[in-house]
Amino acid sequence: MKLFITIHNKTIPVYTDDKTSKKFNLLKSALEAKVSKGRKAIKKCLDSIISIEIVGCEAILHSFNERDTLALSLY
Protein backbone atom coordinates (compact mmCIF):
# COMPACT_ATOMS: atom_id res chain seq x y z
CA MET A 1 0.00 0.00 0.00
CA LYS A 2 1.27 3.47 -0.83
CA LEU A 3 0.46 6.44 1.40
CA PHE A 4 1.88 9.97 1.48
CA ILE A 5 3.24 12.10 4.31
CA THR A 6 4.48 15.71 4.27
CA ILE A 7 7.89 16.49 5.77
CA HIS A 8 9.53 19.92 5.39
CA ASN A 9 6.88 20.90 2.80
CA LYS A 10 7.76 17.85 0.66
CA THR A 11 5.31 15.03 -0.07
CA ILE A 12 7.04 11.72 0.66
CA PRO A 13 5.65 8.28 -0.32
CA VAL A 14 5.28 5.73 2.48
CA TYR A 15 5.21 2.07 1.48
CA THR A 16 3.68 -0.49 3.83
CA ASP A 17 2.03 -3.89 3.71
CA ASP A 18 -0.21 -3.09 6.68
CA LYS A 19 -3.77 -2.27 5.69
CA THR A 20 -4.52 -0.44 8.96
CA SER A 21 -3.40 3.08 9.74
CA LYS A 22 -1.93 2.21 13.17
CA LYS A 23 1.68 2.06 11.97
CA PHE A 24 1.19 5.14 9.80
CA ASN A 25 -0.01 7.10 12.85
CA LEU A 26 2.97 5.82 14.86
CA LEU A 27 5.27 6.96 12.04
CA LYS A 28 3.76 10.45 11.99
CA SER A 29 4.17 10.90 15.74
CA ALA A 30 7.75 9.54 15.67
CA LEU A 31 8.73 11.87 12.82
CA GLU A 32 7.19 14.89 14.54
CA ALA A 33 9.28 14.14 17.63
CA LYS A 34 12.45 13.64 15.57
CA VAL A 35 11.99 16.86 13.60
CA SER A 36 11.88 18.92 16.79
CA LYS A 37 14.22 16.93 19.08
CA GLY A 38 16.24 14.75 16.72
CA ARG A 39 19.99 14.49 16.45
CA LYS A 40 22.09 15.70 13.54
CA ALA A 41 22.00 12.33 11.69
CA ILE A 42 18.18 12.19 11.78
CA LYS A 43 17.81 15.79 10.66
CA LYS A 44 20.31 15.22 7.83
CA CYS A 45 18.32 12.18 6.67
CA LEU A 46 15.02 14.08 6.84
CA ASP A 47 16.48 16.92 4.74
CA SER A 48 17.25 14.55 1.85
CA ILE A 49 14.50 11.94 2.31
CA ILE A 50 12.95 10.41 -0.82
CA SER A 51 10.74 7.60 0.56
CA ILE A 52 9.80 5.65 3.68
CA GLU A 53 9.23 1.92 3.93
CA ILE A 54 7.50 0.38 6.96
CA VAL A 55 8.80 -3.14 7.63
CA GLY A 56 7.47 -4.83 10.76
CA CYS A 57 7.91 -2.39 13.63
CA GLU A 58 10.55 -0.23 11.91
CA ALA A 59 10.42 2.54 9.36
CA ILE A 60 13.29 2.65 6.87
CA LEU A 61 13.97 6.26 5.86
CA HIS A 62 15.52 6.27 2.38
CA SER A 63 17.49 9.36 1.34
CA PHE A 64 19.36 10.53 -1.77
CA ASN A 65 22.68 9.59 -0.21
CA GLU A 66 22.74 5.91 0.72
CA ARG A 67 24.85 6.65 3.82
CA ASP A 68 22.09 8.87 5.25
CA THR A 69 19.45 6.10 5.06
CA LEU A 70 18.45 4.86 8.51
CA ALA A 71 15.92 2.79 10.42
CA LEU A 72 13.51 4.29 12.95
CA SER A 73 11.75 2.16 15.53
CA LEU A 74 8.00 2.77 15.70
CA TYR A 75 7.43 1.17 19.11
PDB file of N, CA and C in Angstrom:
ATOM      1  N   MET A   1       0.848  -1.157   0.000  1.00  0.00           N
ATOM      2  CA  MET A   1       0.000   0.000   0.000  1.00  0.00           C
ATOM      3  C   MET A   1       0.902   1.230   0.000  1.00  0.00           C
ATOM      4  N   LYS A   2       0.500   2.241  -0.721  1.00  0.00           N
ATOM      5  CA  LYS A   2       1.270   3.469  -0.833  1.00  0.00           C
ATOM      6  C   LYS A   2       0.470   4.619  -0.234  1.00  0.00           C
ATOM      7  N   LEU A   3       1.048   5.275   0.759  1.00  0.00           N
ATOM      8  CA  LEU A   3       0.465   6.444   1.403  1.00  0.00           C
ATOM      9  C   LEU A   3       1.438   7.603   1.245  1.00  0.00           C
ATOM     10  N   PHE A   4       1.013   8.798   1.594  1.00  0.00           N
ATOM     11  CA  PHE A   4       1.879   9.965   1.482  1.00  0.00           C
ATOM     12  C   PHE A   4       1.895  10.724   2.800  1.00  0.00           C
ATOM     13  N   ILE A   5       3.058  11.294   3.115  1.00  0.00           N
ATOM     14  CA  ILE A   5       3.237  12.104   4.313  1.00  0.00           C
ATOM     15  C   ILE A   5       4.016  13.356   3.901  1.00  0.00           C
ATOM     16  N   THR A   6       3.788  14.463   4.589  1.00  0.00           N
ATOM     17  CA  THR A   6       4.479  15.707   4.271  1.00  0.00           C
ATOM     18  C   THR A   6       5.526  15.998   5.343  1.00  0.00           C
ATOM     19  N   ILE A   7       6.773  16.165   4.885  1.00  0.00           N
ATOM     20  CA  ILE A   7       7.890  16.492   5.769  1.00  0.00           C
ATOM     21  C   ILE A   7       8.641  17.659   5.139  1.00  0.00           C
ATOM     22  N   HIS A   8       8.834  18.727   5.884  1.00  0.00           N
ATOM     23  CA  HIS A   8       9.532  19.916   5.390  1.00  0.00           C
ATOM     24  C   HIS A   8       8.938  20.401   4.068  1.00  0.00           C
ATOM     25  N   ASN A   9       7.625  20.445   3.987  1.00  0.00           N
ATOM     26  CA  ASN A   9       6.884  20.899   2.803  1.00  0.00           C
ATOM     27  C   ASN A   9       7.143  20.050   1.560  1.00  0.00           C
ATOM     28  N   LYS A  10       7.574  18.794   1.759  1.00  0.00           N
ATOM     29  CA  LYS A  10       7.762  17.849   0.664  1.00  0.00           C
ATOM     30  C   LYS A  10       6.822  16.671   0.899  1.00  0.00           C
ATOM     31  N   THR A  11       6.171  16.207  -0.160  1.00  0.00           N
ATOM     32  CA  THR A  11       5.314  15.033  -0.067  1.00  0.00           C
ATOM     33  C   THR A  11       6.166  13.794  -0.309  1.00  0.00           C
ATOM     34  N   ILE A  12       6.195  12.900   0.680  1.00  0.00           N
ATOM     35  CA  ILE A  12       7.037  11.715   0.660  1.00  0.00           C
ATOM     36  C   ILE A  12       6.152  10.474   0.608  1.00  0.00           C
ATOM     37  N   PRO A  13       6.439   9.518  -0.304  1.00  0.00           N
ATOM     38  CA  PRO A  13       5.655   8.278  -0.323  1.00  0.00           C
ATOM     39  C   PRO A  13       6.060   7.353   0.824  1.00  0.00           C
ATOM     40  N   VAL A  14       5.063   6.699   1.405  1.00  0.00           N
ATOM     41  CA  VAL A  14       5.277   5.728   2.481  1.00  0.00           C
ATOM     42  C   VAL A  14       4.737   4.396   1.989  1.00  0.00           C
ATOM     43  N   TYR A  15       5.604   3.399   1.939  1.00  0.00           N
ATOM     44  CA  TYR A  15       5.213   2.067   1.479  1.00  0.00           C
ATOM     45  C   TYR A  15       5.060   1.145   2.679  1.00  0.00           C
ATOM     46  N   THR A  16       3.939   0.426   2.727  1.00  0.00           N
ATOM     47  CA  THR A  16       3.677  -0.488   3.827  1.00  0.00           C
ATOM     48  C   THR A  16       2.801  -1.635   3.344  1.00  0.00           C
ATOM     49  N   ASP A  17       2.890  -2.754   4.037  1.00  0.00           N
ATOM     50  CA  ASP A  17       2.030  -3.888   3.709  1.00  0.00           C
ATOM     51  C   ASP A  17       0.871  -3.991   4.694  1.00  0.00           C
ATOM     52  N   ASP A  18       0.843  -3.098   5.663  1.00  0.00           N
ATOM     53  CA  ASP A  18      -0.207  -3.090   6.679  1.00  0.00           C
ATOM     54  C   ASP A  18      -1.415  -2.318   6.151  1.00  0.00           C
ATOM     55  N   LYS A  19      -2.572  -2.923   6.207  1.00  0.00           N
ATOM     56  CA  LYS A  19      -3.774  -2.274   5.692  1.00  0.00           C
ATOM     57  C   LYS A  19      -4.418  -1.332   6.705  1.00  0.00           C
ATOM     58  N   THR A  20      -3.980  -1.352   7.954  1.00  0.00           N
ATOM     59  CA  THR A  20      -4.515  -0.440   8.962  1.00  0.00           C
ATOM     60  C   THR A  20      -3.633   0.800   9.044  1.00  0.00           C
ATOM     61  N   SER A  21      -4.143   1.828   9.640  1.00  0.00           N
ATOM     62  CA  SER A  21      -3.395   3.078   9.741  1.00  0.00           C
ATOM     63  C   SER A  21      -2.649   3.206  11.066  1.00  0.00           C
ATOM     64  N   LYS A  22      -2.598   2.148  11.867  1.00  0.00           N
ATOM     65  CA  LYS A  22      -1.934   2.214  13.172  1.00  0.00           C
ATOM     66  C   LYS A  22      -0.445   2.541  13.022  1.00  0.00           C
ATOM     67  N   LYS A  23       0.250   1.820  12.155  1.00  0.00           N
ATOM     68  CA  LYS A  23       1.682   2.059  11.968  1.00  0.00           C
ATOM     69  C   LYS A  23       1.936   3.411  11.326  1.00  0.00           C
ATOM     70  N   PHE A  24       1.049   3.835  10.439  1.00  0.00           N
ATOM     71  CA  PHE A  24       1.193   5.137   9.804  1.00  0.00           C
ATOM     72  C   PHE A  24       1.071   6.247  10.847  1.00  0.00           C
ATOM     73  N   ASN A  25       0.138   6.108  11.775  1.00  0.00           N
ATOM     74  CA  ASN A  25      -0.009   7.103  12.850  1.00  0.00           C
ATOM     75  C   ASN A  25       1.203   7.098  13.772  1.00  0.00           C
ATOM     76  N   LEU A  26       1.747   5.913  14.056  1.00  0.00           N
ATOM     77  CA  LEU A  26       2.972   5.825  14.858  1.00  0.00           C
ATOM     78  C   LEU A  26       4.134   6.500  14.138  1.00  0.00           C
ATOM     79  N   LEU A  27       4.212   6.326  12.829  1.00  0.00           N
ATOM     80  CA  LEU A  27       5.269   6.957  12.037  1.00  0.00           C
ATOM     81  C   LEU A  27       5.151   8.473  12.104  1.00  0.00           C
ATOM     82  N   LYS A  28       3.948   8.999  11.951  1.00  0.00           N
ATOM     83  CA  LYS A  28       3.758  10.453  11.992  1.00  0.00           C
ATOM     84  C   LYS A  28       4.182  11.022  13.336  1.00  0.00           C
ATOM     85  N   SER A  29       3.804  10.377  14.426  1.00  0.00           N
ATOM     86  CA  SER A  29       4.175  10.898  15.744  1.00  0.00           C
ATOM     87  C   SER A  29       5.682  10.779  15.984  1.00  0.00           C
ATOM     88  N   ALA A  30       6.305   9.702  15.506  1.00  0.00           N
ATOM     89  CA  ALA A  30       7.755   9.542  15.668  1.00  0.00           C
ATOM     90  C   ALA A  30       8.512  10.593  14.864  1.00  0.00           C
ATOM     91  N   LEU A  31       8.062  10.865  13.647  1.00  0.00           N
ATOM     92  CA  LEU A  31       8.731  11.867  12.817  1.00  0.00           C
ATOM     93  C   LEU A  31       8.565  13.275  13.379  1.00  0.00           C
ATOM     94  N   GLU A  32       7.398  13.576  13.929  1.00  0.00           N
ATOM     95  CA  GLU A  32       7.190  14.890  14.544  1.00  0.00           C
ATOM     96  C   GLU A  32       8.150  15.094  15.708  1.00  0.00           C
ATOM     97  N   ALA A  33       8.353  14.052  16.500  1.00  0.00           N
ATOM     98  CA  ALA A  33       9.284  14.144  17.625  1.00  0.00           C
ATOM     99  C   ALA A  33      10.724  14.302  17.138  1.00  0.00           C
ATOM    100  N   LYS A  34      11.078  13.584  16.084  1.00  0.00           N
ATOM    101  CA  LYS A  34      12.451  13.639  15.568  1.00  0.00           C
ATOM    102  C   LYS A  34      12.752  14.966  14.882  1.00  0.00           C
ATOM    103  N   VAL A  35      11.774  15.563  14.249  1.00  0.00           N
ATOM    104  CA  VAL A  35      11.993  16.864  13.598  1.00  0.00           C
ATOM    105  C   VAL A  35      12.328  17.921  14.642  1.00  0.00           C
ATOM    106  N   SER A  36      11.645  17.888  15.780  1.00  0.00           N
ATOM    107  CA  SER A  36      11.880  18.917  16.794  1.00  0.00           C
ATOM    108  C   SER A  36      13.028  18.585  17.746  1.00  0.00           C
ATOM    109  N   LYS A  37      13.225  17.295  18.071  1.00  0.00           N
ATOM    110  CA  LYS A  37      14.218  16.932  19.082  1.00  0.00           C
ATOM    111  C   LYS A  37      15.294  15.980  18.569  1.00  0.00           C
ATOM    112  N   GLY A  38      15.326  15.746  17.271  1.00  0.00           N
ATOM    113  CA  GLY A  38      16.240  14.750  16.717  1.00  0.00           C
ATOM    114  C   GLY A  38      17.691  15.197  16.694  1.00  0.00           C
ATOM    115  N   ARG A  39      18.563  14.214  16.550  1.00  0.00           N
ATOM    116  CA  ARG A  39      19.988  14.493  16.454  1.00  0.00           C
ATOM    117  C   ARG A  39      20.359  14.874  15.026  1.00  0.00           C
ATOM    118  N   LYS A  40      21.609  15.211  14.835  1.00  0.00           N
ATOM    119  CA  LYS A  40      22.089  15.695  13.541  1.00  0.00           C
ATOM    120  C   LYS A  40      21.888  14.657  12.436  1.00  0.00           C
ATOM    121  N   ALA A  41      22.128  13.383  12.712  1.00  0.00           N
ATOM    122  CA  ALA A  41      21.997  12.327  11.694  1.00  0.00           C
ATOM    123  C   ALA A  41      20.552  12.208  11.219  1.00  0.00           C
ATOM    124  N   ILE A  42      19.599  12.290  12.146  1.00  0.00           N
ATOM    125  CA  ILE A  42      18.180  12.188  11.777  1.00  0.00           C
ATOM    126  C   ILE A  42      17.772  13.403  10.957  1.00  0.00           C
ATOM    127  N   LYS A  43      18.168  14.574  11.384  1.00  0.00           N
ATOM    128  CA  LYS A  43      17.805  15.794  10.662  1.00  0.00           C
ATOM    129  C   LYS A  43      18.428  15.814   9.271  1.00  0.00           C
ATOM    130  N   LYS A  44      19.653  15.292   9.133  1.00  0.00           N
ATOM    131  CA  LYS A  44      20.305  15.224   7.827  1.00  0.00           C
ATOM    132  C   LYS A  44      19.548  14.270   6.909  1.00  0.00           C
ATOM    133  N   CYS A  45      19.093  13.143   7.452  1.00  0.00           N
ATOM    134  CA  CYS A  45      18.320  12.184   6.673  1.00  0.00           C
ATOM    135  C   CYS A  45      16.986  12.794   6.255  1.00  0.00           C
ATOM    136  N   LEU A  46      16.314  13.484   7.152  1.00  0.00           N
ATOM    137  CA  LEU A  46      15.019  14.083   6.842  1.00  0.00           C
ATOM    138  C   LEU A  46      15.127  15.210   5.814  1.00  0.00           C
ATOM    139  N   ASP A  47      16.288  15.860   5.739  1.00  0.00           N
ATOM    140  CA  ASP A  47      16.479  16.919   4.742  1.00  0.00           C
ATOM    141  C   ASP A  47      16.572  16.362   3.325  1.00  0.00           C
ATOM    142  N   SER A  48      17.069  15.124   3.188  1.00  0.00           N
ATOM    143  CA  SER A  48      17.247  14.552   1.853  1.00  0.00           C
ATOM    144  C   SER A  48      16.408  13.293   1.636  1.00  0.00           C
ATOM    145  N   ILE A  49      15.330  13.148   2.372  1.00  0.00           N
ATOM    146  CA  ILE A  49      14.501  11.942   2.307  1.00  0.00           C
ATOM    147  C   ILE A  49      13.758  11.853   0.971  1.00  0.00           C
ATOM    148  N   ILE A  50      13.673  10.614   0.441  1.00  0.00           N
ATOM    149  CA  ILE A  50      12.954  10.409  -0.817  1.00  0.00           C
ATOM    150  C   ILE A  50      11.780   9.442  -0.650  1.00  0.00           C
ATOM    151  N   SER A  51      11.856   8.522   0.320  1.00  0.00           N
ATOM    152  CA  SER A  51      10.743   7.604   0.565  1.00  0.00           C
ATOM    153  C   SER A  51      10.912   6.952   1.930  1.00  0.00           C
ATOM    154  N   ILE A  52       9.812   6.362   2.401  1.00  0.00           N
ATOM    155  CA  ILE A  52       9.803   5.650   3.682  1.00  0.00           C
ATOM    156  C   ILE A  52       9.159   4.295   3.449  1.00  0.00           C
ATOM    157  N   GLU A  53       9.755   3.272   4.044  1.00  0.00           N
ATOM    158  CA  GLU A  53       9.233   1.917   3.930  1.00  0.00           C
ATOM    159  C   GLU A  53       9.016   1.372   5.339  1.00  0.00           C
ATOM    160  N   ILE A  54       7.797   0.948   5.642  1.00  0.00           N
ATOM    161  CA  ILE A  54       7.502   0.380   6.955  1.00  0.00           C
ATOM    162  C   ILE A  54       7.612  -1.137   6.847  1.00  0.00           C
ATOM    163  N   VAL A  55       8.551  -1.698   7.617  1.00  0.00           N
ATOM    164  CA  VAL A  55       8.798  -3.139   7.634  1.00  0.00           C
ATOM    165  C   VAL A  55       8.693  -3.602   9.080  1.00  0.00           C
ATOM    166  N   GLY A  56       7.665  -4.377   9.375  1.00  0.00           N
ATOM    167  CA  GLY A  56       7.472  -4.828  10.756  1.00  0.00           C
ATOM    168  C   GLY A  56       7.224  -3.652  11.673  1.00  0.00           C
ATOM    169  N   CYS A  57       8.075  -3.497  12.676  1.00  0.00           N
ATOM    170  CA  CYS A  57       7.911  -2.395  13.633  1.00  0.00           C
ATOM    171  C   CYS A  57       8.944  -1.288  13.403  1.00  0.00           C
ATOM    172  N   GLU A  58       9.570  -1.263  12.220  1.00  0.00           N
ATOM    173  CA  GLU A  58      10.548  -0.234  11.906  1.00  0.00           C
ATOM    174  C   GLU A  58      10.174   0.503  10.625  1.00  0.00           C
ATOM    175  N   ALA A  59      10.588   1.734  10.573  1.00  0.00           N
ATOM    176  CA  ALA A  59      10.423   2.543   9.360  1.00  0.00           C
ATOM    177  C   ALA A  59      11.814   2.796   8.793  1.00  0.00           C
ATOM    178  N   ILE A  60      12.018   2.423   7.544  1.00  0.00           N
ATOM    179  CA  ILE A  60      13.289   2.649   6.873  1.00  0.00           C
ATOM    180  C   ILE A  60      13.166   3.967   6.111  1.00  0.00           C
ATOM    181  N   LEU A  61      13.991   4.937   6.477  1.00  0.00           N
ATOM    182  CA  LEU A  61      13.971   6.258   5.858  1.00  0.00           C
ATOM    183  C   LEU A  61      15.035   6.289   4.769  1.00  0.00           C
ATOM    184  N   HIS A  62      14.604   6.276   3.519  1.00  0.00           N
ATOM    185  CA  HIS A  62      15.523   6.274   2.381  1.00  0.00           C
ATOM    186  C   HIS A  62      15.814   7.712   1.967  1.00  0.00           C
ATOM    187  N   SER A  63      17.098   8.014   1.750  1.00  0.00           N
ATOM    188  CA  SER A  63      17.493   9.356   1.339  1.00  0.00           C
ATOM    189  C   SER A  63      18.294   9.298   0.046  1.00  0.00           C
ATOM    190  N   PHE A  64      18.585  10.471  -0.526  1.00  0.00           N
ATOM    191  CA  PHE A  64      19.356  10.532  -1.767  1.00  0.00           C
ATOM    192  C   PHE A  64      20.718   9.864  -1.586  1.00  0.00           C
ATOM    193  N   ASN A  65      21.381  10.184  -0.508  1.00  0.00           N
ATOM    194  CA  ASN A  65      22.678   9.593  -0.213  1.00  0.00           C
ATOM    195  C   ASN A  65      22.450   8.307   0.574  1.00  0.00           C
ATOM    196  N   GLU A  66      22.954   7.201   0.083  1.00  0.00           N
ATOM    197  CA  GLU A  66      22.741   5.911   0.724  1.00  0.00           C
ATOM    198  C   GLU A  66      23.259   5.880   2.158  1.00  0.00           C
ATOM    199  N   ARG A  67      24.273   6.631   2.461  1.00  0.00           N
ATOM    200  CA  ARG A  67      24.846   6.654   3.817  1.00  0.00           C
ATOM    201  C   ARG A  67      23.916   7.324   4.823  1.00  0.00           C
ATOM    202  N   ASP A  68      23.016   8.176   4.356  1.00  0.00           N
ATOM    203  CA  ASP A  68      22.089   8.872   5.246  1.00  0.00           C
ATOM    204  C   ASP A  68      20.829   8.070   5.531  1.00  0.00           C
ATOM    205  N   THR A  69      20.610   6.953   4.830  1.00  0.00           N
ATOM    206  CA  THR A  69      19.449   6.104   5.057  1.00  0.00           C
ATOM    207  C   THR A  69      19.550   5.465   6.438  1.00  0.00           C
ATOM    208  N   LEU A  70      18.430   5.477   7.187  1.00  0.00           N
ATOM    209  CA  LEU A  70      18.447   4.862   8.507  1.00  0.00           C
ATOM    210  C   LEU A  70      17.094   4.261   8.875  1.00  0.00           C
ATOM    211  N   ALA A  71      17.119   3.459   9.934  1.00  0.00           N
ATOM    212  CA  ALA A  71      15.918   2.791  10.425  1.00  0.00           C
ATOM    213  C   ALA A  71      15.440   3.482  11.693  1.00  0.00           C
ATOM    214  N   LEU A  72      14.136   3.625  11.805  1.00  0.00           N
ATOM    215  CA  LEU A  72      13.513   4.286  12.948  1.00  0.00           C
ATOM    216  C   LEU A  72      12.511   3.325  13.569  1.00  0.00           C
ATOM    217  N   SER A  73      12.667   3.048  14.844  1.00  0.00           N
ATOM    218  CA  SER A  73      11.748   2.157  15.530  1.00  0.00           C
ATOM    219  C   SER A  73      10.428   2.864  15.787  1.00  0.00           C
ATOM    220  N   LEU A  74       9.322   2.176  15.514  1.00  0.00           N
ATOM    221  CA  LEU A  74       8.000   2.767  15.698  1.00  0.00           C
ATOM    222  C   LEU A  74       7.436   2.495  17.088  1.00  0.00           C
ATOM    223  N   TYR A  75       7.970   1.519  17.782  1.00  0.00           N
ATOM    224  CA  TYR A  75       7.433   1.172  19.114  1.00  0.00           C
ATOM    225  C   TYR A  75       8.415   1.535  20.189  1.00  0.00           C
TER     226      TYR A  75
END
